[in-house]
Amino acid sequence: MSSSPTPSVLAGEPRVITVGAALLAEALDEQAVPRLGVDWRPPLPGTAEALAKVLADPRRARANEIAVGRLTSARPHLVGVRPAREVLDLPRGTFFHAGPPIEWERASGPMRGALIGAALFEGLAADAGEAEKLLASGGVTLDPCHHHRAVGPMAGVVTPSMWMFEIADAEHGGSAYCSLNEGLGKVLRYGAYGPEVIARLRWMGDVLGPVLAAALALSGPIDLRSLIAQALQMGDELHNRNRAATSLLVRELAPAIVDAAPERAAEVLRFINGNDHFFLNAAMAAGKVGADAARGVPGSSLVVAMARNGTDFGVQVSGLGDRWFTGPAGVPDGLYLGAYGPDDANPDIGDSTITETSGLGGFAMAASPAIVRFVGGDVADAVAATRRMYEITLAEHPAYQIPGLGFRGTPVGIDVALVARTGLLPIVNTGIAGRVAGTGQVGAGLVSPPTEAFTSALVALAET
């Protein structure tokens, strides 16, 4: 009787493949057994049916190619600095805020503090108590910045008298706006509203905004895409570290500031020089104008906004119009200032996650090893964070490159389907606001969005 030939798969030495939990892999390593590790994770719970529909959608590949192409080809330029009442048609008694829609009753401490300060700044109330009554009674109309081509850091409150960076997209023709950066510590965007906060806002409206506007009229538009690309190669990630970008912007603007307003140049340049985060707001508007160019592509699963209001974390998706998909905002894990600790922290807040949405911030931490001194962790953590984000994004940015990864483009174009399939959530590095209104900033750190924001968006996409 002839014997059957031995299957080739059994002819050689057995090879071990480990998948999933690390326990088996660690046991084999301790015994010096060679193995091949496969990094696999199950899809997010409850997403299998919707994920299958979205991945099988014949529109998806081309739709995502179009959407992420628009996002990465945007050419944001700083073209002006103008009052919000002019560029946003913002009437007296209406405030814009960060994140998805929210009412006073659900607003967190820092959001309430910023709204109180905004009412004082606009002269709608004589003191904090009067401002709180006005807001609680519905005497001020609240609407998200994102609904008006704008973004706001932290509480993100924008009022008619505030001056805004005006960013124009030279490629697609859109525009976006963000308020000017106040600096760190006790500032309106972190929910502080003391006399020094209001005085600074008035100076920004009376001096800083008009001087910058006059300087830009002399200098002409500033190419922010090029400036951001340079800053990444100088150690910034453009969310929590903007030192290089701010320095580059000052170099562009300083001669024009001196020429346009010689009597005010020293105080304006001193203010900007003392604020390493000054460029952040311009970077946010640059990200917004690119993400908005990617909106409205039927079948696309590309995320075009991530934003937080201190209570909710929300996302918007290119193929789903202006709908928000939300979950509870988490409390960042990070480093705290002075005697502050986790008990003092408010849940995550602000529109500054537009930086991550456009391939910067937490997605570019590998370009900014120094960021770990501000948000915690070590250099290896920063590199690992960026590498993970390639698994949930659709492209690598052609202009925003990371020297430490061989000038590989930053991961850009978050895909809700890839988030569901891998179980990986976008990584965000952020400032931490005090939970009590009026406190200001208490630290900085890292935070993960709620899974339900992405899974609910996926389900809605499967139904289109």
Protein backbone atom coordinates (compact mmCIF):
# COMPACT_ATOMS: atom_id res chain seq x y z
CA MET A 1 0.00 0.00 0.00
CA SER A 2 1.53 3.32 -1.06
CA SER A 3 1.70 6.09 1.47
CA SER A 4 0.37 9.56 0.76
CA PRO A 5 2.99 12.26 0.31
CA THR A 6 3.60 14.49 3.31
CA PRO A 7 1.90 17.88 2.84
CA SER A 8 4.51 20.57 2.30
CA VAL A 9 3.12 22.57 5.18
CA LEU A 10 4.25 19.75 7.52
CA ALA A 11 7.57 19.00 5.87
CA GLY A 12 9.61 21.65 7.67
CA GLU A 13 10.01 22.89 11.20
CA PRO A 14 6.79 24.29 12.65
CA ARG A 15 6.53 28.06 12.83
CA VAL A 16 4.54 29.88 15.50
CA ILE A 17 2.34 32.86 14.71
CA THR A 18 0.95 34.87 17.62
CA VAL A 19 -2.14 37.03 17.24
CA GLY A 20 -4.01 39.20 19.70
CA ALA A 21 -3.29 38.90 23.44
CA ALA A 22 0.35 39.31 24.38
CA LEU A 23 0.41 36.60 27.07
CA LEU A 24 1.19 33.70 24.69
CA ALA A 25 3.82 35.72 22.84
CA GLU A 26 5.57 36.62 26.09
CA ALA A 27 5.61 32.96 27.18
CA LEU A 28 7.22 31.91 23.88
CA ASP A 29 9.79 34.69 24.12
CA GLU A 30 10.77 33.50 27.60
CA GLN A 31 11.41 30.03 26.10
CA ALA A 32 13.37 31.47 23.16
CA VAL A 33 10.83 30.05 20.68
CA PRO A 34 10.95 31.89 17.32
CA ARG A 35 7.61 33.42 16.42
CA LEU A 36 5.96 35.77 13.99
CA GLY A 37 3.83 38.39 15.71
CA VAL A 38 0.72 39.74 13.97
CA ASP A 39 -0.73 43.01 15.26
CA TRP A 40 -4.47 42.35 14.93
CA ARG A 41 -7.39 43.73 16.87
CA PRO A 42 -11.07 42.90 16.55
CA PRO A 43 -13.42 45.57 15.21
CA LEU A 44 -15.14 47.81 17.72
CA PRO A 45 -18.06 45.97 19.35
CA GLY A 46 -21.37 46.25 17.54
CA THR A 47 -19.91 47.59 14.29
CA ALA A 48 -19.64 44.41 12.20
CA GLU A 49 -22.79 44.87 10.10
CA ALA A 50 -22.31 48.60 9.48
CA LEU A 51 -18.59 48.11 8.80
CA ALA A 52 -19.32 45.44 6.19
CA LYS A 53 -21.77 47.75 4.41
CA VAL A 54 -19.43 50.73 4.40
CA LEU A 55 -16.41 48.72 3.23
CA ALA A 56 -18.52 47.19 0.45
CA ASP A 57 -19.89 50.55 -0.73
CA PRO A 58 -18.66 50.94 -4.33
CA ARG A 59 -18.51 54.72 -3.87
CA ARG A 60 -16.14 54.62 -0.90
CA ALA A 61 -12.70 54.27 -2.50
CA ARG A 62 -13.18 57.03 -5.05
CA ALA A 63 -15.07 59.25 -2.61
CA ASN A 64 -12.27 59.00 -0.06
CA GLU A 65 -9.66 59.62 -2.72
CA ILE A 66 -11.44 62.86 -3.68
CA ALA A 67 -12.01 63.99 -0.08
CA VAL A 68 -8.51 63.35 1.23
CA GLY A 69 -7.07 64.82 -1.98
CA ARG A 70 -8.90 68.06 -1.29
CA LEU A 71 -7.74 68.04 2.33
CA THR A 72 -4.07 67.55 1.51
CA SER A 73 -3.98 69.88 -1.50
CA ALA A 74 -5.39 72.90 0.38
CA ARG A 75 -3.02 75.88 0.36
CA PRO A 76 -3.95 78.02 3.39
CA HIS A 77 -2.69 81.61 3.41
CA LEU A 78 -3.01 84.17 6.20
CA VAL A 79 -4.61 87.08 4.36
CA GLY A 80 -5.98 89.34 7.06
CA VAL A 81 -7.00 90.07 10.63
CA ARG A 82 -10.52 91.48 10.98
CA PRO A 83 -13.28 91.84 13.60
CA ALA A 84 -15.67 88.91 13.96
CA ARG A 85 -18.69 91.17 13.39
CA GLU A 86 -17.40 91.83 9.87
CA VAL A 87 -16.17 88.43 8.72
CA LEU A 88 -18.71 86.21 10.47
CA ASP A 89 -21.78 88.48 10.34
CA LEU A 90 -21.87 88.06 14.11
CA PRO A 91 -24.54 90.30 15.68
CA ARG A 92 -24.56 91.67 19.20
CA GLY A 93 -26.01 89.12 21.60
CA THR A 94 -24.76 86.07 19.69
CA PHE A 95 -21.68 84.09 20.73
CA PHE A 96 -19.99 81.24 18.90
CA HIS A 97 -18.36 78.46 20.92
CA ALA A 98 -16.17 75.38 20.50
CA GLY A 99 -17.47 71.89 19.85
CA PRO A 100 -20.89 70.54 18.90
CA PRO A 101 -24.05 72.44 19.94
CA ILE A 102 -24.65 72.92 23.67
CA GLU A 103 -26.97 74.90 25.93
CA TRP A 104 -26.08 76.78 29.11
CA GLU A 105 -27.71 74.09 31.27
CA ARG A 106 -25.23 71.44 30.05
CA ALA A 107 -22.19 73.69 29.75
CA SER A 108 -19.09 72.82 31.76
CA GLY A 109 -17.31 75.15 34.17
CA PRO A 110 -14.75 76.54 31.70
CA MET A 111 -17.41 77.01 29.00
CA ARG A 112 -19.60 78.89 31.46
CA GLY A 113 -16.65 80.97 32.62
CA ALA A 114 -15.75 81.93 29.06
CA LEU A 115 -19.36 82.83 28.25
CA ILE A 116 -19.54 84.99 31.39
CA GLY A 117 -16.31 86.72 30.40
CA ALA A 118 -17.61 87.24 26.87
CA ALA A 119 -20.75 88.93 28.21
CA LEU A 120 -18.60 91.23 30.37
CA PHE A 121 -16.28 92.00 27.45
CA GLU A 122 -19.20 92.91 25.17
CA GLY A 123 -20.84 95.08 27.83
CA LEU A 124 -23.93 92.90 28.05
CA ALA A 125 -23.59 92.61 31.83
CA ALA A 126 -22.07 94.69 34.62
CA ASP A 127 -20.74 91.78 36.67
CA ALA A 128 -20.43 88.00 36.67
CA GLY A 129 -23.71 87.44 38.48
CA GLU A 130 -25.65 89.54 35.99
CA ALA A 131 -23.90 87.78 33.10
CA GLU A 132 -24.82 84.37 34.48
CA LYS A 133 -28.49 85.34 34.79
CA LEU A 134 -28.47 86.66 31.23
CA LEU A 135 -26.99 83.45 29.87
CA ALA A 136 -29.23 81.18 31.95
CA SER A 137 -32.32 83.01 30.70
CA GLY A 138 -31.38 82.50 27.05
CA GLY A 139 -30.58 86.17 26.56
CA VAL A 140 -27.55 85.25 24.44
CA THR A 141 -27.76 83.04 21.34
CA LEU A 142 -25.15 80.25 21.28
CA ASP A 143 -23.94 78.47 18.14
CA PRO A 144 -20.87 76.36 17.30
CA CYS A 145 -17.90 78.02 15.60
CA HIS A 146 -17.79 75.11 13.14
CA HIS A 147 -21.18 76.14 11.75
CA HIS A 148 -19.68 79.43 10.59
CA ARG A 149 -16.34 78.50 8.96
CA ALA A 150 -14.61 79.19 12.27
CA VAL A 151 -12.78 77.35 15.03
CA GLY A 152 -12.09 78.33 18.63
CA PRO A 153 -9.45 76.98 21.03
CA MET A 154 -10.61 75.47 24.34
CA ALA A 155 -13.97 77.11 25.21
CA GLY A 156 -13.64 78.79 21.82
CA VAL A 157 -16.01 81.65 22.59
CA VAL A 158 -16.11 84.27 19.82
CA THR A 159 -17.94 87.59 20.20
CA PRO A 160 -18.56 90.41 17.71
CA SER A 161 -15.73 92.61 19.04
CA MET A 162 -13.00 89.96 18.85
CA TRP A 163 -10.48 90.11 16.01
CA MET A 164 -9.97 87.01 13.90
CA PHE A 165 -7.24 85.48 11.77
CA GLU A 166 -8.60 85.24 8.22
CA ILE A 167 -7.26 82.25 6.27
CA ALA A 168 -7.90 81.77 2.54
CA ASP A 169 -7.37 78.54 0.61
CA ALA A 170 -5.50 79.44 -2.59
CA GLU A 171 -6.33 76.01 -4.05
CA HIS A 172 -10.05 75.56 -3.44
CA GLY A 173 -11.16 79.12 -2.69
CA GLY A 174 -12.57 78.61 0.81
CA SER A 175 -11.93 80.68 3.91
CA ALA A 176 -11.80 80.05 7.66
CA TYR A 177 -11.40 82.10 10.82
CA CYS A 178 -9.99 81.81 14.33
CA SER A 179 -9.64 84.30 17.18
CA LEU A 180 -6.23 85.65 18.23
CA ASN A 181 -4.34 83.74 20.92
CA GLU A 182 -4.37 85.32 24.39
CA GLY A 183 -1.42 83.39 25.84
CA LEU A 184 -1.41 80.86 28.68
CA GLY A 185 -2.68 80.83 32.26
CA LYS A 186 -5.80 82.76 33.26
CA VAL A 187 -7.33 83.50 29.86
CA LEU A 188 -10.88 83.53 28.52
CA ARG A 189 -10.49 80.37 26.46
CA TYR A 190 -9.74 78.40 29.64
CA GLY A 191 -12.77 79.88 31.38
CA ALA A 192 -11.15 82.73 33.32
CA TYR A 193 -12.95 86.07 33.34
CA GLY A 194 -11.21 88.31 35.91
CA PRO A 195 -10.41 92.00 35.28
CA GLU A 196 -6.99 91.16 33.82
CA VAL A 197 -8.64 88.84 31.28
CA ILE A 198 -11.09 91.50 30.11
CA ALA A 199 -8.34 94.14 29.99
CA ARG A 200 -6.20 91.91 27.80
CA LEU A 201 -9.09 91.25 25.42
CA ARG A 202 -9.73 95.00 25.12
CA TRP A 203 -6.04 95.61 24.32
CA MET A 204 -6.17 92.87 21.71
CA GLY A 205 -9.17 94.56 20.11
CA ASP A 206 -7.82 98.09 20.33
CA VAL A 207 -4.15 97.46 19.51
CA LEU A 208 -3.11 93.94 18.52
CA GLY A 209 -5.79 93.28 15.91
CA PRO A 210 -5.52 96.63 14.09
CA VAL A 211 -1.70 96.49 14.08
CA LEU A 212 -1.65 92.97 12.63
CA ALA A 213 -4.23 93.99 10.04
CA ALA A 214 -2.10 96.95 8.97
CA ALA A 215 1.03 94.81 8.87
CA LEU A 216 -0.59 92.16 6.65
CA ALA A 217 -1.82 94.89 4.33
CA LEU A 218 1.85 95.79 3.82
CA SER A 219 3.38 92.30 3.79
CA GLY A 220 0.75 90.57 1.71
CA PRO A 221 -0.53 87.00 2.31
CA ILE A 222 1.62 84.54 4.26
CA ASP A 223 1.83 80.94 3.02
CA LEU A 224 0.88 78.89 6.09
CA ARG A 225 1.29 75.51 4.38
CA SER A 226 4.96 76.27 3.80
CA LEU A 227 5.41 77.72 7.28
CA ILE A 228 3.82 74.68 8.96
CA ALA A 229 6.02 72.34 6.91
CA GLN A 230 9.11 74.23 8.11
CA ALA A 231 7.93 74.25 11.74
CA LEU A 232 7.46 70.46 11.73
CA GLN A 233 11.09 70.08 10.71
CA MET A 234 12.08 72.41 13.56
CA GLY A 235 10.40 70.37 16.29
CA ASP A 236 6.78 71.59 16.45
CA GLU A 237 3.68 69.43 16.12
CA LEU A 238 1.38 72.49 15.81
CA HIS A 239 -1.04 71.78 18.63
CA ASN A 240 0.73 71.99 21.97
CA ARG A 241 4.12 73.03 20.60
CA ASN A 242 4.16 76.08 18.32
CA ARG A 243 7.46 77.68 19.29
CA ALA A 244 9.10 77.34 15.88
CA ALA A 245 5.95 78.31 13.98
CA THR A 246 5.42 81.41 16.13
CA SER A 247 9.05 82.42 15.56
CA LEU A 248 8.69 81.95 11.81
CA LEU A 249 5.51 84.04 11.77
CA VAL A 250 7.20 86.83 13.73
CA ARG A 251 10.06 86.82 11.24
CA GLU A 252 7.55 87.26 8.42
CA LEU A 253 5.54 89.99 10.13
CA ALA A 254 8.03 91.98 12.23
CA PRO A 255 9.31 94.35 9.50
CA ALA A 256 5.75 95.14 8.41
CA ILE A 257 4.64 95.67 12.04
CA VAL A 258 7.43 98.20 12.52
CA ASP A 259 6.58 99.97 9.27
CA ALA A 260 2.81 99.93 9.84
CA ALA A 261 2.73 100.98 13.50
CA PRO A 262 6.14 102.15 14.77
CA GLU A 263 4.63 103.58 17.95
CA ARG A 264 2.98 100.24 18.84
CA ALA A 265 5.49 97.79 17.38
CA ALA A 266 7.41 97.15 20.60
CA GLU A 267 4.37 96.19 22.70
CA VAL A 268 2.88 94.03 19.93
CA LEU A 269 6.12 92.17 19.27
CA ARG A 270 6.74 91.79 23.01
CA PHE A 271 3.30 90.22 23.43
CA ILE A 272 3.77 87.76 20.56
CA ASN A 273 7.32 86.93 21.66
CA GLY A 274 6.05 86.05 25.14
CA ASN A 275 3.44 83.66 23.77
CA ASP A 276 4.82 80.50 22.17
CA HIS A 277 1.26 79.40 21.34
CA PHE A 278 0.46 82.48 19.27
CA PHE A 279 0.61 80.54 16.00
CA LEU A 280 -1.78 77.81 17.20
CA ASN A 281 -4.88 79.78 16.23
CA ALA A 282 -3.59 80.36 12.71
CA ALA A 283 -2.77 76.66 12.43
CA MET A 284 -6.31 75.80 13.53
CA ALA A 285 -7.87 78.00 10.85
CA ALA A 286 -5.46 76.51 8.30
CA GLY A 287 -6.66 73.03 9.28
CA LYS A 288 -10.29 74.16 9.13
CA VAL A 289 -10.06 75.56 5.61
CA GLY A 290 -8.52 72.29 4.37
CA ALA A 291 -11.02 70.07 6.16
CA ASP A 292 -13.93 72.15 4.88
CA ALA A 293 -12.67 71.63 1.32
CA ALA A 294 -13.13 67.88 1.90
CA ARG A 295 -16.76 68.16 3.01
CA GLY A 296 -19.79 66.95 1.11
CA VAL A 297 -18.41 63.99 -0.84
CA PRO A 298 -21.17 61.31 -0.98
CA GLY A 299 -19.96 57.95 0.29
CA SER A 300 -16.81 59.32 1.91
CA SER A 301 -15.96 58.05 5.40
CA LEU A 302 -13.36 60.80 5.99
CA VAL A 303 -13.61 62.74 9.26
CA VAL A 304 -13.75 66.48 8.55
CA ALA A 305 -14.15 67.74 12.12
CA MET A 306 -13.39 66.61 15.65
CA ALA A 307 -14.42 69.08 18.35
CA ARG A 308 -15.24 69.25 22.06
CA ASN A 309 -17.34 71.65 24.11
CA GLY A 310 -16.21 70.46 27.56
CA THR A 311 -19.19 68.10 27.84
CA ASP A 312 -19.43 66.32 24.48
CA PHE A 313 -16.86 65.17 21.92
CA GLY A 314 -18.26 65.34 18.38
CA VAL A 315 -17.19 64.34 14.88
CA GLN A 316 -18.46 65.22 11.42
CA VAL A 317 -17.91 63.07 8.32
CA SER A 318 -17.52 64.18 4.71
CA GLY A 319 -20.33 61.99 3.38
CA LEU A 320 -22.81 62.90 6.14
CA GLY A 321 -23.23 66.65 5.75
CA ASP A 322 -23.27 68.82 8.88
CA ARG A 323 -24.55 66.12 11.28
CA TRP A 324 -22.73 65.74 14.60
CA PHE A 325 -22.00 62.35 16.16
CA THR A 326 -21.14 62.65 19.81
CA GLY A 327 -20.07 60.92 22.99
CA PRO A 328 -18.94 62.13 26.40
CA ALA A 329 -15.67 64.07 26.43
CA GLY A 330 -12.92 62.36 28.43
CA VAL A 331 -10.55 63.84 31.00
CA PRO A 332 -6.99 64.12 29.62
CA ASP A 333 -4.16 62.16 31.23
CA GLY A 334 -1.12 64.38 31.56
CA LEU A 335 1.01 66.79 33.54
CA TYR A 336 -0.47 69.38 35.88
CA LEU A 337 0.64 72.88 36.80
CA GLY A 338 1.61 73.70 40.39
CA ALA A 339 -0.65 72.04 42.95
CA TYR A 340 -3.36 71.14 40.45
CA GLY A 341 -4.24 67.49 39.88
CA PRO A 342 -6.75 65.25 38.06
CA ASP A 343 -9.57 66.27 40.41
CA ASP A 344 -9.23 69.85 39.16
CA ALA A 345 -9.50 68.91 35.47
CA ASN A 346 -12.47 69.48 33.22
CA PRO A 347 -13.29 66.99 30.46
CA ASP A 348 -11.64 67.73 27.13
CA ILE A 349 -12.64 70.98 25.43
CA GLY A 350 -11.98 72.97 22.26
CA ASP A 351 -11.89 73.00 18.46
CA SER A 352 -8.11 72.61 18.41
CA THR A 353 -8.54 68.95 17.44
CA ILE A 354 -8.85 70.34 13.92
CA THR A 355 -5.05 70.03 14.00
CA GLU A 356 -5.28 66.25 14.43
CA THR A 357 -8.04 66.17 11.81
CA SER A 358 -5.60 67.72 9.33
CA GLY A 359 -2.58 65.53 10.20
CA LEU A 360 -0.93 67.64 12.90
CA GLY A 361 -0.97 67.69 16.71
CA GLY A 362 -1.07 64.20 18.17
CA PHE A 363 -0.69 62.72 14.69
CA ALA A 364 2.65 64.53 14.24
CA MET A 365 4.17 63.94 17.68
CA ALA A 366 7.05 61.97 16.16
CA ALA A 367 8.24 65.28 14.71
CA SER A 368 8.25 66.90 18.14
CA PRO A 369 10.10 64.85 20.76
CA ALA A 370 10.15 67.84 23.12
CA ILE A 371 6.34 67.72 23.35
CA VAL A 372 6.55 64.92 25.93
CA ARG A 373 7.87 67.42 28.46
CA PHE A 374 4.55 69.24 28.16
CA VAL A 375 2.02 66.40 27.85
CA GLY A 376 3.83 63.51 29.57
CA GLY A 377 5.36 60.22 28.43
CA ASP A 378 8.69 59.82 26.67
CA VAL A 379 10.06 60.18 23.15
CA ALA A 380 9.31 56.57 22.26
CA ASP A 381 5.66 57.18 23.16
CA ALA A 382 5.50 60.15 20.79
CA VAL A 383 6.93 58.12 17.91
CA ALA A 384 4.66 55.16 18.64
CA ALA A 385 1.60 57.43 18.71
CA THR A 386 2.31 58.76 15.23
CA ARG A 387 3.00 55.29 13.85
CA ARG A 388 -0.36 54.01 15.14
CA MET A 389 -2.22 56.81 13.40
CA TYR A 390 -1.11 55.57 9.97
CA GLU A 391 -3.44 52.60 10.57
CA ILE A 392 -6.59 54.74 10.72
CA THR A 393 -5.80 57.35 8.07
CA LEU A 394 -6.20 57.42 4.31
CA ALA A 395 -3.00 59.19 3.26
CA GLU A 396 0.35 60.68 4.16
CA HIS A 397 0.53 64.43 3.87
CA PRO A 398 2.67 65.46 0.89
CA ALA A 399 3.91 68.68 2.52
CA TYR A 400 3.87 67.95 6.26
CA GLN A 401 6.81 65.59 6.79
CA ILE A 402 8.54 64.03 9.81
CA PRO A 403 12.37 64.04 9.71
CA GLY A 404 12.68 61.29 12.31
CA LEU A 405 10.62 58.92 10.16
CA GLY A 406 12.72 59.47 7.05
CA PHE A 407 10.61 62.48 6.02
CA ARG A 408 7.51 60.37 5.82
CA GLY A 409 4.34 62.47 5.51
CA THR A 410 2.21 62.84 8.62
CA PRO A 411 -0.79 60.47 8.81
CA VAL A 412 -3.81 62.41 7.57
CA GLY A 413 -7.44 61.70 6.75
CA ILE A 414 -9.10 59.85 9.65
CA ASP A 415 -11.45 57.18 8.31
CA VAL A 416 -14.34 56.13 10.56
CA ALA A 417 -14.30 52.70 8.91
CA LEU A 418 -10.63 52.18 9.74
CA VAL A 419 -11.23 53.35 13.31
CA ALA A 420 -13.99 50.74 13.67
CA ARG A 421 -12.01 47.98 11.94
CA THR A 422 -8.81 48.43 13.97
CA GLY A 423 -10.27 49.55 17.28
CA LEU A 424 -7.71 52.37 17.33
CA LEU A 425 -8.91 55.82 18.30
CA PRO A 426 -7.33 59.10 17.20
CA ILE A 427 -4.76 60.40 19.66
CA VAL A 428 -5.14 63.99 20.80
CA ASN A 429 -2.71 66.12 22.78
CA THR A 430 -4.40 69.01 24.51
CA GLY A 431 -4.39 71.64 27.20
CA ILE A 432 -6.41 70.93 30.35
CA ALA A 433 -8.87 73.51 31.66
CA GLY A 434 -9.89 73.72 35.30
CA ARG A 435 -13.38 72.35 35.89
CA VAL A 436 -14.41 75.34 38.04
CA ALA A 437 -15.37 78.46 36.09
CA GLY A 438 -12.69 81.14 36.35
CA THR A 439 -9.79 78.78 37.14
CA GLY A 440 -7.93 78.87 33.82
CA GLN A 441 -5.42 76.29 32.62
CA VAL A 442 -4.38 73.51 35.03
CA GLY A 443 -2.21 71.29 32.80
CA ALA A 444 -1.75 69.52 29.47
CA GLY A 445 -1.89 65.91 28.35
CA LEU A 446 -3.26 63.22 26.05
CA VAL A 447 -6.85 62.09 25.60
CA SER A 448 -8.78 59.55 23.53
CA PRO A 449 -12.15 60.36 21.96
CA PRO A 450 -15.24 58.31 22.87
CA THR A 451 -15.77 55.30 20.61
CA GLU A 452 -19.48 56.03 20.23
CA ALA A 453 -18.80 59.20 18.24
CA PHE A 454 -17.15 57.10 15.53
CA THR A 455 -19.42 54.06 15.69
CA SER A 456 -22.59 56.15 15.43
CA ALA A 457 -21.10 57.95 12.42
CA LEU A 458 -20.28 54.58 10.85
CA VAL A 459 -23.85 53.32 11.35
CA ALA A 460 -25.24 56.49 9.78
CA LEU A 461 -22.87 56.13 6.83
CA ALA A 462 -24.01 52.54 6.31
CA GLU A 463 -27.57 53.79 5.97
CA THR A 464 -26.81 56.28 3.17
